[in-house]
Amino acid sequence: MASEAAPTANLEGDNDEGEENQQHSVLETSELLGVGDQSLLACSSPLPATKRKGKRTQDALFLETVQALEDRRAVANESLRVDQAVQFSQTQEAEARMITSMERQSELALQQMERQRHQDEVWALHQELRQELRQERQDEQQAVFNTGFLEVLSQLVTANRSSSK
């Protein structure tokens, strides 16, 4: 029976020590989590001291893992933001080049239309001058013909008068 009493006393001593460790663990956890609730310090854990130490280690590893994941997420978000900014910038540059190209094409089309309009005006003037020259030649030819015809008629009338006398 004495041997049974010793382990019980030993367990009770461990239990006091365990409660102290648990309170320390709760304090550390509350500090890590940023919890300032003092009611957590008064809680007792149903787990033995060795399991609580393992649990604290697991909790610390879990918190480190969460922090690492948050860091990765932050890096990924920053990378994504940078990629989106670069893509947006490239899209804007491509749009600017396209707009510049379209403006040049529009300018060239306007210049070509202006040249075509000028050529049409020159062609119209040329056609008008050719028509005027053609009309002048026809008028001259008609005048020469009329003059020659009148001369011939005049000679015929003169010859006819001479022969009828």
Protein backbone atom coordinates (compact mmCIF):
# COMPACT_ATOMS: atom_id res chain seq x y z
CA MET A 1 0.00 0.00 0.00
CA ALA A 2 2.88 2.28 0.65
CA SER A 3 4.02 1.72 -2.87
CA GLU A 4 0.58 2.72 -4.12
CA ALA A 5 0.61 5.85 -2.01
CA ALA A 6 3.92 6.97 -3.39
CA PRO A 7 2.82 6.99 -7.01
CA THR A 8 -0.35 8.80 -6.06
CA ALA A 9 1.60 11.42 -4.19
CA ASN A 10 4.01 11.61 -7.06
CA LEU A 11 1.12 12.08 -9.49
CA GLU A 12 -0.36 14.74 -7.29
CA GLY A 13 2.98 16.54 -7.24
CA ASP A 14 3.13 16.27 -11.02
CA ASN A 15 -0.40 17.54 -11.17
CA ASP A 16 0.53 20.70 -9.25
CA GLU A 17 3.50 21.15 -11.48
CA GLY A 18 1.29 20.36 -14.50
CA GLU A 19 -1.25 22.96 -13.55
CA GLU A 20 1.54 25.49 -13.25
CA ASN A 21 2.89 24.44 -16.66
CA GLN A 22 -0.61 24.59 -18.10
CA GLN A 23 -1.11 28.10 -16.79
CA HIS A 24 2.25 29.01 -18.28
CA SER A 25 1.19 27.34 -21.55
CA VAL A 26 -2.13 29.19 -21.60
CA LEU A 27 -0.25 32.42 -20.94
CA GLU A 28 2.16 31.72 -23.81
CA THR A 29 -0.70 30.75 -26.12
CA SER A 30 -2.70 33.82 -25.19
CA GLU A 31 0.37 35.97 -25.82
CA LEU A 32 0.96 34.30 -29.20
CA LEU A 33 -2.66 34.65 -30.18
CA GLY A 34 -2.85 38.13 -28.75
CA VAL A 35 -5.63 37.12 -26.36
CA GLY A 36 -5.62 39.17 -23.21
CA ASP A 37 -8.48 37.29 -21.52
CA GLN A 38 -7.37 36.45 -17.98
CA SER A 39 -10.15 33.86 -17.59
CA LEU A 40 -8.11 31.53 -19.82
CA LEU A 41 -5.36 31.42 -17.21
CA ALA A 42 -7.67 29.88 -14.64
CA CYS A 43 -8.66 26.94 -16.89
CA SER A 44 -7.21 23.57 -16.17
CA SER A 45 -6.33 21.07 -18.88
CA PRO A 46 -7.49 17.46 -18.74
CA LEU A 47 -4.20 16.44 -20.41
CA PRO A 48 -1.13 15.23 -18.45
CA ALA A 49 1.94 17.50 -18.34
CA THR A 50 3.90 15.64 -21.07
CA LYS A 51 0.96 15.75 -23.43
CA ARG A 52 0.51 19.44 -22.67
CA LYS A 53 4.16 20.08 -23.60
CA GLY A 54 3.61 18.17 -26.84
CA LYS A 55 0.42 20.15 -27.39
CA ARG A 56 2.31 23.40 -26.80
CA THR A 57 4.90 22.29 -29.35
CA GLN A 58 2.12 21.39 -31.79
CA ASP A 59 0.46 24.74 -31.17
CA ALA A 60 3.73 26.56 -31.74
CA LEU A 61 4.34 24.59 -34.94
CA PHE A 62 0.77 25.24 -36.02
CA LEU A 63 1.20 28.97 -35.42
CA GLU A 64 4.50 28.92 -37.33
CA THR A 65 2.78 27.06 -40.18
CA VAL A 66 -0.08 29.58 -40.19
CA GLN A 67 2.43 32.44 -40.20
CA ALA A 68 4.37 30.80 -43.05
CA LEU A 69 1.14 30.33 -45.02
CA GLU A 70 0.18 33.96 -44.39
CA ASP A 71 3.64 35.05 -45.51
CA ARG A 72 3.32 32.93 -48.65
CA ARG A 73 -0.12 34.34 -49.31
CA ALA A 74 1.21 37.88 -48.87
CA VAL A 75 4.09 37.14 -51.26
CA ALA A 76 1.69 35.52 -53.74
CA ASN A 77 -0.71 38.46 -53.49
CA GLU A 78 2.13 40.93 -54.00
CA SER A 79 3.41 38.89 -56.93
CA LEU A 80 -0.08 38.74 -58.40
CA ARG A 81 -0.51 42.49 -57.91
CA VAL A 82 2.82 43.15 -59.61
CA ASP A 83 1.93 40.76 -62.44
CA GLN A 84 -1.43 42.46 -62.88
CA ALA A 85 0.21 45.89 -62.87
CA VAL A 86 2.73 44.74 -65.49
CA GLN A 87 -0.03 43.18 -67.57
CA PHE A 88 -2.13 46.34 -67.26
CA SER A 89 0.87 48.44 -68.26
CA GLN A 90 1.56 46.18 -71.24
CA THR A 91 -2.10 46.35 -72.24
CA GLN A 92 -2.01 50.14 -72.04
CA GLU A 93 1.18 50.23 -74.12
CA ALA A 94 -0.38 47.92 -76.71
CA GLU A 95 -3.51 50.08 -76.82
CA ALA A 96 -1.39 53.22 -77.15
CA ARG A 97 0.54 51.65 -80.04
CA MET A 98 -2.70 50.58 -81.68
CA ILE A 99 -4.21 54.04 -81.27
CA THR A 100 -1.04 55.63 -82.67
CA SER A 101 -1.14 53.23 -85.60
CA MET A 102 -4.81 53.99 -86.22
CA GLU A 103 -4.11 57.72 -86.05
CA ARG A 104 -1.30 57.31 -88.59
CA GLN A 105 -3.56 55.26 -90.85
CA SER A 106 -6.27 57.88 -90.53
CA GLU A 107 -3.77 60.62 -91.33
CA LEU A 108 -2.50 58.70 -94.36
CA ALA A 109 -6.08 58.08 -95.51
CA LEU A 110 -6.83 61.81 -95.18
CA GLN A 111 -3.67 62.66 -97.14
CA GLN A 112 -4.59 60.13 -99.82
CA MET A 113 -8.13 61.54 -100.01
CA GLU A 114 -6.69 65.06 -100.31
CA ARG A 115 -4.34 63.92 -103.10
CA GLN A 116 -7.21 62.17 -104.86
CA ARG A 117 -9.41 65.27 -104.53
CA HIS A 118 -6.57 67.39 -105.92
CA GLN A 119 -6.02 64.93 -108.78
CA ASP A 120 -9.75 64.97 -109.51
CA GLU A 121 -9.72 68.78 -109.61
CA VAL A 122 -6.68 68.79 -111.92
CA TRP A 123 -8.30 66.17 -114.16
CA ALA A 124 -11.55 68.17 -114.24
CA LEU A 125 -9.63 71.35 -115.16
CA HIS A 126 -7.68 69.42 -117.80
CA GLN A 127 -10.89 68.01 -119.26
CA GLU A 128 -12.46 71.47 -119.21
CA LEU A 129 -9.44 72.96 -121.03
CA ARG A 130 -9.46 70.14 -123.59
CA GLN A 131 -13.16 70.71 -124.15
CA GLU A 132 -12.58 74.46 -124.56
CA LEU A 133 -9.69 73.84 -126.99
CA ARG A 134 -11.78 71.34 -128.94
CA GLN A 135 -14.63 73.84 -129.07
CA GLU A 136 -12.26 76.62 -130.20
CA ARG A 137 -10.86 74.38 -132.97
CA GLN A 138 -14.35 73.44 -134.06
CA ASP A 139 -15.33 77.10 -134.03
CA GLU A 140 -12.20 77.98 -136.08
CA GLN A 141 -12.87 75.15 -138.52
CA GLN A 142 -16.49 76.22 -138.82
CA ALA A 143 -15.38 79.82 -139.38
CA VAL A 144 -12.87 78.73 -142.06
CA PHE A 145 -15.50 76.54 -143.69
CA ASN A 146 -18.06 79.34 -143.59
CA THR A 147 -15.54 81.80 -145.04
CA GLY A 148 -14.59 79.36 -147.80
CA PHE A 149 -18.21 78.51 -148.50
CA LEU A 150 -19.16 82.17 -148.70
CA GLU A 151 -16.28 82.80 -151.10
CA VAL A 152 -17.33 79.94 -153.33
CA LEU A 153 -20.94 81.12 -153.25
CA SER A 154 -19.85 84.63 -153.96
CA GLN A 155 -17.81 83.42 -156.94
CA LEU A 156 -20.74 81.35 -158.18
CA VAL A 157 -23.11 84.27 -157.87
CA THR A 158 -20.62 86.50 -159.65
CA ALA A 159 -20.10 83.90 -162.36
CA ASN A 160 -23.83 83.38 -162.71
CA ARG A 161 -24.43 87.11 -163.11
CA SER A 162 -21.73 87.40 -165.69
CA SER A 163 -23.14 84.57 -167.68
CA SER A 164 -26.67 85.88 -167.52
CA LYS A 165 -25.78 89.31 -168.80
